[in-house]
Amino acid sequence: MFEQNIADGANIFITIVAVIIGFAAAMGYIDYNKTKKQENKH
């Protein structure tokens, strides 16, 4: 029972970390595209 709770907590933690990394990567990609478009206008 106790070991199962630790495993569930780890899975939730890994999921949260994965979502944060994915979100950060998406924000970086959007920011990269914005700067690229601005460079093309000049």
C-alpha atoms as a PDB file:
ATOM      1  CA  MET A   1       0.000   0.000   0.000  1.00  0.00           C
ATOM      2  CA  PHE A   2       2.701   2.484   1.036  1.00  0.00           C
ATOM      3  CA  GLU A   3       4.975   1.501  -1.868  1.00  0.00           C
ATOM      4  CA  GLN A   4       2.066   1.974  -4.292  1.00  0.00           C
ATOM      5  CA  ASN A   5       1.561   5.536  -3.014  1.00  0.00           C
ATOM      6  CA  ILE A   6       5.235   6.341  -3.655  1.00  0.00           C
ATOM      7  CA  ALA A   7       4.945   4.978  -7.208  1.00  0.00           C
ATOM      8  CA  ASP A   8       1.813   7.055  -7.880  1.00  0.00           C
ATOM      9  CA  GLY A   9       3.511  10.169  -6.535  1.00  0.00           C
ATOM     10  CA  ALA A  10       6.520   9.555  -8.776  1.00  0.00           C
ATOM     11  CA  ASN A  11       4.275   9.085 -11.821  1.00  0.00           C
ATOM     12  CA  ILE A  12       2.452  12.347 -11.103  1.00  0.00           C
ATOM     13  CA  PHE A  13       5.764  14.133 -10.557  1.00  0.00           C
ATOM     14  CA  ILE A  14       7.180  12.787 -13.844  1.00  0.00           C
ATOM     15  CA  THR A  15       3.985  13.812 -15.655  1.00  0.00           C
ATOM     16  CA  ILE A  16       4.130  17.347 -14.226  1.00  0.00           C
ATOM     17  CA  VAL A  17       7.814  17.673 -15.155  1.00  0.00           C
ATOM     18  CA  ALA A  18       7.097  16.403 -18.677  1.00  0.00           C
ATOM     19  CA  VAL A  19       4.256  18.924 -19.089  1.00  0.00           C
ATOM     20  CA  ILE A  20       6.463  21.785 -17.850  1.00  0.00           C
ATOM     21  CA  ILE A  21       9.287  20.767 -20.214  1.00  0.00           C
ATOM     22  CA  GLY A  22       6.820  20.477 -23.099  1.00  0.00           C
ATOM     23  CA  PHE A  23       5.313  23.868 -22.273  1.00  0.00           C
ATOM     24  CA  ALA A  24       8.754  25.495 -22.034  1.00  0.00           C
ATOM     25  CA  ALA A  25       9.766  23.921 -25.350  1.00  0.00           C
ATOM     26  CA  ALA A  26       6.557  25.144 -26.991  1.00  0.00           C
ATOM     27  CA  MET A  27       7.053  28.687 -25.650  1.00  0.00           C
ATOM     28  CA  GLY A  28      10.654  28.679 -26.876  1.00  0.00           C
ATOM     29  CA  TYR A  29       9.539  27.469 -30.307  1.00  0.00           C
ATOM     30  CA  ILE A  30       6.827  30.149 -30.565  1.00  0.00           C
ATOM     31  CA  ASP A  31       9.316  32.819 -29.453  1.00  0.00           C
ATOM     32  CA  TYR A  32      11.831  31.550 -32.030  1.00  0.00           C
ATOM     33  CA  ASN A  33       9.215  31.754 -34.781  1.00  0.00           C
ATOM     34  CA  LYS A  34       8.240  35.322 -33.761  1.00  0.00           C
ATOM     35  CA  THR A  35      11.834  36.540 -33.867  1.00  0.00           C
ATOM     36  CA  LYS A  36      12.377  34.786 -37.202  1.00  0.00           C
ATOM     37  CA  LYS A  37       9.338  36.531 -38.722  1.00  0.00           C
ATOM     38  CA  GLN A  38      10.490  39.918 -37.400  1.00  0.00           C
ATOM     39  CA  GLU A  39      13.928  39.392 -38.937  1.00  0.00           C
ATOM     40  CA  ASN A  40      12.333  38.633 -42.321  1.00  0.00           C
ATOM     41  CA  LYS A  41      10.379  41.936 -42.263  1.00  0.00           C
ATOM     42  CA  HIS A  42      13.547  44.046 -41.961  1.00  0.00           C
END
